Amino acid sequence: MSFLLNCPNCGERGVNEFRFGGEVVSRPTPGAAEGEWSHYFYFRPNAAGVQQEWWNHRYGCRRWFYALRDTTSNTVQTTFWPGQQPPAAET
C-alpha cells in the first residue's frame, strides 16, 4: 500500500522513503520490572482509529518525527516534531 507522508523538514514524499517506528507509547523507567518491559515491547493497543506514530525519513533528512494517522483509512492527518504539540489536523 502506498500513500504520501509529509516530512516536517523535506515536505511531502511517498511513504516508501520512510521507516515506520511504531506507536508512540510511554517508556518504562530504567529500573522497571521485567514484566513492564515485556509489556512495553510486545503489547501495543493497535486500536482502530487515529494514533500517534514514530516515522523516520530514511531516504531524506534521516530525522524522526511524529505522525497522526487514522489506521482505518490509512490517512495521515498531520506530522510534527517530537516535543511540539500537534498542529490542527489538515482536512
PDB file of N, CA and C in Angstrom:
ATOM      1  N   MET A   1       0.838  -1.163   0.000  1.00  0.00           N
ATOM      2  CA  MET A   1       0.000   0.000   0.000  1.00  0.00           C
ATOM      3  C   MET A   1       0.888   1.233   0.000  1.00  0.00           C
ATOM      4  N   SER A   2       0.505   2.220  -0.751  1.00  0.00           N
ATOM      5  CA  SER A   2       1.294   3.436  -0.841  1.00  0.00           C
ATOM      6  C   SER A   2       0.436   4.647  -0.494  1.00  0.00           C
ATOM      7  N   PHE A   3       1.050   5.586   0.192  1.00  0.00           N
ATOM      8  CA  PHE A   3       0.392   6.853   0.489  1.00  0.00           C
ATOM      9  C   PHE A   3       1.465   7.902   0.669  1.00  0.00           C
ATOM     10  N   LEU A   4       1.062   9.155   0.761  1.00  0.00           N
ATOM     11  CA  LEU A   4       2.011  10.252   0.919  1.00  0.00           C
ATOM     12  C   LEU A   4       2.139  10.611   2.387  1.00  0.00           C
ATOM     13  N   LEU A   5       3.351  10.971   2.773  1.00  0.00           N
ATOM     14  CA  LEU A   5       3.645  11.372   4.139  1.00  0.00           C
ATOM     15  C   LEU A   5       4.409  12.682   4.067  1.00  0.00           C
ATOM     16  N   ASN A   6       4.030  13.636   4.889  1.00  0.00           N
ATOM     17  CA  ASN A   6       4.649  14.953   4.868  1.00  0.00           C
ATOM     18  C   ASN A   6       5.747  15.044   5.926  1.00  0.00           C
ATOM     19  N   CYS A   7       7.008  14.983   5.507  1.00  0.00           N
ATOM     20  CA  CYS A   7       8.125  15.180   6.434  1.00  0.00           C
ATOM     21  C   CYS A   7       8.124  16.648   6.842  1.00  0.00           C
ATOM     22  N   PRO A   8       8.174  16.966   8.144  1.00  0.00           N
ATOM     23  CA  PRO A   8       8.192  18.366   8.559  1.00  0.00           C
ATOM     24  C   PRO A   8       9.401  19.133   8.019  1.00  0.00           C
ATOM     25  N   ASN A   9      10.451  18.430   7.630  1.00  0.00           N
ATOM     26  CA  ASN A   9      11.658  19.078   7.125  1.00  0.00           C
ATOM     27  C   ASN A   9      11.701  19.112   5.598  1.00  0.00           C
ATOM     28  N   CYS A  10      11.369  18.018   4.943  1.00  0.00           N
ATOM     29  CA  CYS A  10      11.556  17.873   3.490  1.00  0.00           C
ATOM     30  C   CYS A  10      10.287  18.040   2.670  1.00  0.00           C
ATOM     31  N   GLY A  11       9.133  17.978   3.300  1.00  0.00           N
ATOM     32  CA  GLY A  11       7.875  18.087   2.569  1.00  0.00           C
ATOM     33  C   GLY A  11       7.275  16.733   2.242  1.00  0.00           C
ATOM     34  N   GLU A  12       6.269  16.761   1.390  1.00  0.00           N
ATOM     35  CA  GLU A  12       5.507  15.560   1.068  1.00  0.00           C
ATOM     36  C   GLU A  12       6.288  14.617   0.160  1.00  0.00           C
ATOM     37  N   ARG A  13       6.314  13.338   0.559  1.00  0.00           N
ATOM     38  CA  ARG A  13       7.034  12.302  -0.184  1.00  0.00           C
ATOM     39  C   ARG A  13       6.229  11.001  -0.123  1.00  0.00           C
ATOM     40  N   GLY A  14       6.571  10.060  -0.975  1.00  0.00           N
ATOM     41  CA  GLY A  14       5.963   8.734  -0.929  1.00  0.00           C
ATOM     42  C   GLY A  14       6.385   7.999   0.328  1.00  0.00           C
ATOM     43  N   VAL A  15       5.503   7.198   0.885  1.00  0.00           N
ATOM     44  CA  VAL A  15       5.769   6.511   2.143  1.00  0.00           C
ATOM     45  C   VAL A  15       6.965   5.565   2.039  1.00  0.00           C
ATOM     46  N   ASN A  16       7.337   5.141   0.831  1.00  0.00           N
ATOM     47  CA  ASN A  16       8.474   4.232   0.660  1.00  0.00           C
ATOM     48  C   ASN A  16       9.807   4.865   1.052  1.00  0.00           C
ATOM     49  N   GLU A  17       9.852   6.187   1.189  1.00  0.00           N
ATOM     50  CA  GLU A  17      11.075   6.873   1.641  1.00  0.00           C
ATOM     51  C   GLU A  17      11.238   6.825   3.156  1.00  0.00           C
ATOM     52  N   PHE A  18      10.219   6.331   3.866  1.00  0.00           N
ATOM     53  CA  PHE A  18      10.193   6.411   5.321  1.00  0.00           C
ATOM     54  C   PHE A  18      10.247   5.035   5.965  1.00  0.00           C
ATOM     55  N   ARG A  19      10.603   5.040   7.240  1.00  0.00           N
ATOM     56  CA  ARG A  19      10.575   3.825   8.057  1.00  0.00           C
ATOM     57  C   ARG A  19       9.580   4.048   9.181  1.00  0.00           C
ATOM     58  N   PHE A  20       8.656   3.097   9.339  1.00  0.00           N
ATOM     59  CA  PHE A  20       7.669   3.141  10.406  1.00  0.00           C
ATOM     60  C   PHE A  20       8.323   2.735  11.709  1.00  0.00           C
ATOM     61  N   GLY A  21       8.135   3.524  12.761  1.00  0.00           N
ATOM     62  CA  GLY A  21       8.755   3.234  14.045  1.00  0.00           C
ATOM     63  C   GLY A  21       7.805   2.747  15.118  1.00  0.00           C
ATOM     64  N   GLY A  22       6.526   2.617  14.784  1.00  0.00           N
ATOM     65  CA  GLY A  22       5.563   2.113  15.753  1.00  0.00           C
ATOM     66  C   GLY A  22       4.768   3.209  16.439  1.00  0.00           C
ATOM     67  N   GLU A  23       3.833   2.768  17.255  1.00  0.00           N
ATOM     68  CA  GLU A  23       3.008   3.686  18.021  1.00  0.00           C
ATOM     69  C   GLU A  23       3.850   4.390  19.088  1.00  0.00           C
ATOM     70  N   VAL A  24       3.488   5.603  19.412  1.00  0.00           N
ATOM     71  CA  VAL A  24       4.157   6.325  20.490  1.00  0.00           C
ATOM     72  C   VAL A  24       3.512   5.881  21.800  1.00  0.00           C
ATOM     73  N   VAL A  25       4.308   5.248  22.650  1.00  0.00           N
ATOM     74  CA  VAL A  25       3.850   4.809  23.969  1.00  0.00           C
ATOM     75  C   VAL A  25       4.885   5.232  25.009  1.00  0.00           C
ATOM     76  N   SER A  26       4.446   5.357  26.249  1.00  0.00           N
ATOM     77  CA  SER A  26       5.354   5.750  27.329  1.00  0.00           C
ATOM     78  C   SER A  26       6.322   4.623  27.638  1.00  0.00           C
ATOM     79  N   ARG A  27       7.584   4.973  27.757  1.00  0.00           N
ATOM     80  CA  ARG A  27       8.640   4.000  28.039  1.00  0.00           C
ATOM     81  C   ARG A  27       8.763   3.797  29.554  1.00  0.00           C
ATOM     82  N   PRO A  28       8.950   2.556  30.011  1.00  0.00           N
ATOM     83  CA  PRO A  28       9.141   2.334  31.447  1.00  0.00           C
ATOM     84  C   PRO A  28      10.432   2.989  31.949  1.00  0.00           C
ATOM     85  N   THR A  29      10.497   3.207  33.234  1.00  0.00           N
ATOM     86  CA  THR A  29      11.705   3.765  33.832  1.00  0.00           C
ATOM     87  C   THR A  29      12.826   2.729  33.751  1.00  0.00           C
ATOM     88  N   PRO A  30      14.095   3.154  33.792  1.00  0.00           N
ATOM     89  CA  PRO A  30      15.201   2.193  33.668  1.00  0.00           C
ATOM     90  C   PRO A  30      15.175   1.056  34.695  1.00  0.00           C
ATOM     91  N   GLY A  31      14.687   1.288  35.882  1.00  0.00           N
ATOM     92  CA  GLY A  31      14.664   0.255  36.914  1.00  0.00           C
ATOM     93  C   GLY A  31      13.363  -0.523  36.964  1.00  0.00           C
ATOM     94  N   ALA A  32      12.539  -0.431  35.940  1.00  0.00           N
ATOM     95  CA  ALA A  32      11.229  -1.087  35.942  1.00  0.00           C
ATOM     96  C   ALA A  32      11.367  -2.608  35.920  1.00  0.00           C
ATOM     97  N   ALA A  33      10.327  -3.261  36.385  1.00  0.00           N
ATOM     98  CA  ALA A  33      10.302  -4.729  36.425  1.00  0.00           C
ATOM     99  C   ALA A  33      10.314  -5.304  35.011  1.00  0.00           C
ATOM    100  N   GLU A  34      10.785  -6.547  34.917  1.00  0.00           N
ATOM    101  CA  GLU A  34      10.877  -7.226  33.618  1.00  0.00           C
ATOM    102  C   GLU A  34       9.520  -7.296  32.913  1.00  0.00           C
ATOM    103  N   GLY A  35       8.455  -7.498  33.674  1.00  0.00           N
ATOM    104  CA  GLY A  35       7.112  -7.571  33.107  1.00  0.00           C
ATOM    105  C   GLY A  35       6.691  -6.274  32.434  1.00  0.00           C
ATOM    106  N   GLU A  36       7.077  -5.143  33.023  1.00  0.00           N
ATOM    107  CA  GLU A  36       6.755  -3.845  32.418  1.00  0.00           C
ATOM    108  C   GLU A  36       7.477  -3.683  31.083  1.00  0.00           C
ATOM    109  N   TRP A  37       8.736  -4.110  31.025  1.00  0.00           N
ATOM    110  CA  TRP A  37       9.492  -4.011  29.773  1.00  0.00           C
ATOM    111  C   TRP A  37       8.917  -4.952  28.711  1.00  0.00           C
ATOM    112  N   SER A  38       8.524  -6.143  29.116  1.00  0.00           N
ATOM    113  CA  SER A  38       7.907  -7.079  28.169  1.00  0.00           C
ATOM    114  C   SER A  38       6.628  -6.487  27.599  1.00  0.00           C
ATOM    115  N   HIS A  39       5.826  -5.904  28.466  1.00  0.00           N
ATOM    116  CA  HIS A  39       4.579  -5.281  28.017  1.00  0.00           C
ATOM    117  C   HIS A  39       4.871  -4.133  27.055  1.00  0.00           C
ATOM    118  N   TYR A  40       5.872  -3.337  27.359  1.00  0.00           N
ATOM    119  CA  TYR A  40       6.262  -2.210  26.501  1.00  0.00           C
ATOM    120  C   TYR A  40       6.667  -2.685  25.100  1.00  0.00           C
ATOM    121  N   PHE A  41       7.462  -3.749  25.020  1.00  0.00           N
ATOM    122  CA  PHE A  41       7.972  -4.223  23.729  1.00  0.00           C
ATOM    123  C   PHE A  41       6.962  -5.042  22.929  1.00  0.00           C
ATOM    124  N   TYR A  42       6.116  -5.809  23.584  1.00  0.00           N
ATOM    125  CA  TYR A  42       5.311  -6.788  22.856  1.00  0.00           C
ATOM    126  C   TYR A  42       3.808  -6.539  22.825  1.00  0.00           C
ATOM    127  N   PHE A  43       3.291  -5.681  23.677  1.00  0.00           N
ATOM    128  CA  PHE A  43       1.846  -5.471  23.724  1.00  0.00           C
ATOM    129  C   PHE A  43       1.519  -4.029  23.394  1.00  0.00           C
ATOM    130  N   ARG A  44       0.902  -3.823  22.230  1.00  0.00           N
ATOM    131  CA  ARG A  44       0.503  -2.493  21.790  1.00  0.00           C
ATOM    132  C   ARG A  44      -1.017  -2.450  21.666  1.00  0.00           C
ATOM    133  N   PRO A  45      -1.621  -1.290  21.907  1.00  0.00           N
ATOM    134  CA  PRO A  45      -3.080  -1.197  21.814  1.00  0.00           C
ATOM    135  C   PRO A  45      -3.614  -1.560  20.424  1.00  0.00           C
ATOM    136  N   ASN A  46      -2.955  -1.102  19.358  1.00  0.00           N
ATOM    137  CA  ASN A  46      -3.360  -1.397  17.987  1.00  0.00           C
ATOM    138  C   ASN A  46      -4.848  -1.158  17.767  1.00  0.00           C
ATOM    139  N   ALA A  47      -5.346  -0.070  18.323  1.00  0.00           N
ATOM    140  CA  ALA A  47      -6.763   0.263  18.218  1.00  0.00           C
ATOM    141  C   ALA A  47      -7.068   0.885  16.857  1.00  0.00           C
ATOM    142  N   ALA A  48      -8.239   0.610  16.357  1.00  0.00           N
ATOM    143  CA  ALA A  48      -8.669   1.221  15.101  1.00  0.00           C
ATOM    144  C   ALA A  48      -8.952   2.698  15.353  1.00  0.00           C
ATOM    145  N   GLY A  49      -8.500   3.544  14.442  1.00  0.00           N
ATOM    146  CA  GLY A  49      -8.711   4.981  14.571  1.00  0.00           C
ATOM    147  C   GLY A  49      -7.392   5.733  14.522  1.00  0.00           C
ATOM    148  N   VAL A  50      -7.418   6.960  14.996  1.00  0.00           N
ATOM    149  CA  VAL A  50      -6.235   7.819  14.935  1.00  0.00           C
ATOM    150  C   VAL A  50      -5.254   7.443  16.040  1.00  0.00           C
ATOM    151  N   GLN A  51      -3.993   7.272  15.658  1.00  0.00           N
ATOM    152  CA  GLN A  51      -2.939   7.011  16.631  1.00  0.00           C
ATOM    153  C   GLN A  51      -1.705   7.845  16.288  1.00  0.00           C
ATOM    154  N   GLN A  52      -0.922   8.127  17.323  1.00  0.00           N
ATOM    155  CA  GLN A  52       0.330   8.862  17.143  1.00  0.00           C
ATOM    156  C   GLN A  52       1.438   7.854  16.912  1.00  0.00           C
ATOM    157  N   GLU A  53       2.233   8.075  15.838  1.00  0.00           N
ATOM    158  CA  GLU A  53       3.256   7.114  15.440  1.00  0.00           C
ATOM    159  C   GLU A  53       4.601   7.789  15.219  1.00  0.00           C
ATOM    160  N   TRP A  54       5.664   6.991  15.347  1.00  0.00           N
ATOM    161  CA  TRP A  54       7.012   7.419  15.007  1.00  0.00           C
ATOM    162  C   TRP A  54       7.270   7.107  13.535  1.00  0.00           C
ATOM    163  N   TRP A  55       7.891   8.048  12.808  1.00  0.00           N
ATOM    164  CA  TRP A  55       8.329   7.825  11.430  1.00  0.00           C
ATOM    165  C   TRP A  55       9.720   8.411  11.264  1.00  0.00           C
ATOM    166  N   ASN A  56      10.532   7.755  10.440  1.00  0.00           N
ATOM    167  CA  ASN A  56      11.886   8.217  10.149  1.00  0.00           C
ATOM    168  C   ASN A  56      12.019   8.414   8.641  1.00  0.00           C
ATOM    169  N   HIS A  57      12.533   9.590   8.228  1.00  0.00           N
ATOM    170  CA  HIS A  57      12.730   9.859   6.800  1.00  0.00           C
ATOM    171  C   HIS A  57      14.092   9.299   6.396  1.00  0.00           C
ATOM    172  N   ARG A  58      14.129   7.999   6.172  1.00  0.00           N
ATOM    173  CA  ARG A  58      15.393   7.299   5.936  1.00  0.00           C
ATOM    174  C   ARG A  58      16.070   7.670   4.632  1.00  0.00           C
ATOM    175  N   TYR A  59      15.348   8.068   3.580  1.00  0.00           N
ATOM    176  CA  TYR A  59      15.970   8.434   2.313  1.00  0.00           C
ATOM    177  C   TYR A  59      15.994   9.944   2.103  1.00  0.00           C
ATOM    178  N   GLY A  60      15.782  10.689   3.157  1.00  0.00           N
ATOM    179  CA  GLY A  60      15.791  12.150   3.090  1.00  0.00           C
ATOM    180  C   GLY A  60      16.685  12.716   4.178  1.00  0.00           C
ATOM    181  N   CYS A  61      16.085  13.469   5.075  1.00  0.00           N
ATOM    182  CA  CYS A  61      16.842  14.148   6.136  1.00  0.00           C
ATOM    183  C   CYS A  61      17.254  13.216   7.274  1.00  0.00           C
ATOM    184  N   ARG A  62      16.733  12.000   7.299  1.00  0.00           N
ATOM    185  CA  ARG A  62      17.046  10.980   8.311  1.00  0.00           C
ATOM    186  C   ARG A  62      16.602  11.358   9.723  1.00  0.00           C
ATOM    187  N   ARG A  63      15.639  12.239   9.829  1.00  0.00           N
ATOM    188  CA  ARG A  63      15.149  12.667  11.139  1.00  0.00           C
ATOM    189  C   ARG A  63      13.879  11.903  11.510  1.00  0.00           C
ATOM    190  N   TRP A  64      13.685  11.727  12.816  1.00  0.00           N
ATOM    191  CA  TRP A  64      12.479  11.093  13.341  1.00  0.00           C
ATOM    192  C   TRP A  64      11.443  12.164  13.633  1.00  0.00           C
ATOM    193  N   PHE A  65      10.184  11.845  13.392  1.00  0.00           N
ATOM    194  CA  PHE A  65       9.083  12.766  13.676  1.00  0.00           C
ATOM    195  C   PHE A  65       7.831  11.962  14.003  1.00  0.00           C
ATOM    196  N   TYR A  66       6.800  12.676  14.461  1.00  0.00           N
ATOM    197  CA  TYR A  66       5.522  12.060  14.781  1.00  0.00           C
ATOM    198  C   TYR A  66       4.537  12.271  13.639  1.00  0.00           C
ATOM    199  N   ALA A  67       3.616  11.330  13.499  1.00  0.00           N
ATOM    200  CA  ALA A  67       2.501  11.478  12.574  1.00  0.00           C
ATOM    201  C   ALA A  67       1.227  11.032  13.283  1.00  0.00           C
ATOM    202  N   LEU A  68       0.148  11.739  13.040  1.00  0.00           N
ATOM    203  CA  LEU A  68      -1.162  11.288  13.484  1.00  0.00           C
ATOM    204  C   LEU A  68      -1.807  10.643  12.274  1.00  0.00           C
ATOM    205  N   ARG A  69      -2.038   9.321  12.366  1.00  0.00           N
ATOM    206  CA  ARG A  69      -2.557   8.564  11.227  1.00  0.00           C
ATOM    207  C   ARG A  69      -3.778   7.770  11.643  1.00  0.00           C
ATOM    208  N   ASP A  70      -4.798   7.805  10.793  1.00  0.00           N
ATOM    209  CA  ASP A  70      -6.004   7.029  11.012  1.00  0.00           C
ATOM    210  C   ASP A  70      -5.760   5.629  10.453  1.00  0.00           C
ATOM    211  N   THR A  71      -5.744   4.642  11.317  1.00  0.00           N
ATOM    212  CA  THR A  71      -5.425   3.279  10.895  1.00  0.00           C
ATOM    213  C   THR A  71      -6.549   2.622  10.097  1.00  0.00           C
ATOM    214  N   THR A  72      -7.762   3.157  10.165  1.00  0.00           N
ATOM    215  CA  THR A  72      -8.866   2.568   9.409  1.00  0.00           C
ATOM    216  C   THR A  72      -8.854   2.993   7.946  1.00  0.00           C
ATOM    217  N   SER A  73      -8.369   4.200   7.669  1.00  0.00           N
ATOM    218  CA  SER A  73      -8.344   4.699   6.287  1.00  0.00           C
ATOM    219  C   SER A  73      -6.927   4.912   5.767  1.00  0.00           C
ATOM    220  N   ASN A  74      -5.934   4.755   6.642  1.00  0.00           N
ATOM    221  CA  ASN A  74      -4.525   4.982   6.309  1.00  0.00           C
ATOM    222  C   ASN A  74      -4.262   6.433   5.914  1.00  0.00           C
ATOM    223  N   THR A  75      -5.055   7.338   6.429  1.00  0.00           N
ATOM    224  CA  THR A  75      -4.931   8.760   6.137  1.00  0.00           C
ATOM    225  C   THR A  75      -4.067   9.434   7.199  1.00  0.00           C
ATOM    226  N   VAL A  76      -3.031  10.139   6.761  1.00  0.00           N
ATOM    227  CA  VAL A  76      -2.176  10.885   7.686  1.00  0.00           C
ATOM    228  C   VAL A  76      -2.795  12.263   7.884  1.00  0.00           C
ATOM    229  N   GLN A  77      -3.158  12.567   9.121  1.00  0.00           N
ATOM    230  CA  GLN A  77      -3.807  13.843   9.413  1.00  0.00           C
ATOM    231  C   GLN A  77      -2.797  14.980   9.496  1.00  0.00           C
ATOM    232  N   THR A  78      -1.682  14.738  10.182  1.00  0.00           N
ATOM    233  CA  THR A  78      -0.663  15.773  10.336  1.00  0.00           C
ATOM    234  C   THR A  78       0.642  15.139  10.807  1.00  0.00           C
ATOM    235  N   THR A  79       1.736  15.850  10.629  1.00  0.00           N
ATOM    236  CA  THR A  79       3.045  15.423  11.119  1.00  0.00           C
ATOM    237  C   THR A  79       3.673  16.578  11.895  1.00  0.00           C
ATOM    238  N   PHE A  80       4.553  16.242  12.842  1.00  0.00           N
ATOM    239  CA  PHE A  80       5.184  17.279  13.667  1.00  0.00           C
ATOM    240  C   PHE A  80       6.393  16.697  14.383  1.00  0.00           C
ATOM    241  N   TRP A  81       7.245  17.576  14.894  1.00  0.00           N
ATOM    242  CA  TRP A  81       8.474  17.173  15.587  1.00  0.00           C
ATOM    243  C   TRP A  81       8.190  16.752  17.022  1.00  0.00           C
ATOM    244  N   PRO A  82       8.978  15.816  17.562  1.00  0.00           N
ATOM    245  CA  PRO A  82       8.867  15.479  18.980  1.00  0.00           C
ATOM    246  C   PRO A  82       9.109  16.734  19.832  1.00  0.00           C
ATOM    247  N   GLY A  83       8.376  16.826  20.913  1.00  0.00           N
ATOM    248  CA  GLY A  83       8.496  17.990  21.799  1.00  0.00           C
ATOM    249  C   GLY A  83       7.565  19.129  21.410  1.00  0.00           C
ATOM    250  N   GLN A  84       6.903  19.014  20.270  1.00  0.00           N
ATOM    251  CA  GLN A  84       5.935  20.034  19.844  1.00  0.00           C
ATOM    252  C   GLN A  84       4.527  19.479  19.966  1.00  0.00           C
ATOM    253  N   GLN A  85       3.570  20.371  20.084  1.00  0.00           N
ATOM    254  CA  GLN A  85       2.165  19.971  20.070  1.00  0.00           C
ATOM    255  C   GLN A  85       1.750  19.729  18.629  1.00  0.00           C
ATOM    256  N   PRO A  86       0.877  18.772  18.385  1.00  0.00           N
ATOM    257  CA  PRO A  86       0.431  18.552  17.008  1.00  0.00           C
ATOM    258  C   PRO A  86      -0.335  19.771  16.500  1.00  0.00           C
ATOM    259  N   PRO A  87      -0.059  20.193  15.276  1.00  0.00           N
ATOM    260  CA  PRO A  87      -0.847  21.286  14.708  1.00  0.00           C
ATOM    261  C   PRO A  87      -2.250  20.806  14.438  1.00  0.00           C
ATOM    262  N   ALA A  88      -3.136  21.731  14.152  1.00  0.00           N
ATOM    263  CA  ALA A  88      -4.515  21.357  13.822  1.00  0.00           C
ATOM    264  C   ALA A  88      -4.490  20.380  12.662  1.00  0.00           C
ATOM    265  N   ALA A  89      -5.281  19.348  12.757  1.00  0.00           N
ATOM    266  CA  ALA A  89      -5.312  18.318  11.703  1.00  0.00           C
ATOM    267  C   ALA A  89      -5.702  18.940  10.377  1.00  0.00           C
ATOM    268  N   GLU A  90      -4.977  18.530   9.331  1.00  0.00           N
ATOM    269  CA  GLU A  90      -5.251  19.028   7.997  1.00  0.00           C
ATOM    270  C   GLU A  90      -6.425  18.262   7.422  1.00  0.00           C
ATOM    271  N   THR A  91      -7.393  18.973   6.869  1.00  0.00           N
ATOM    272  CA  THR A  91      -8.568  18.299   6.303  1.00  0.00           C
ATOM    273  C   THR A  91      -8.654  18.502   4.829  1.00  0.00           C
TER     274      THR A  91
END
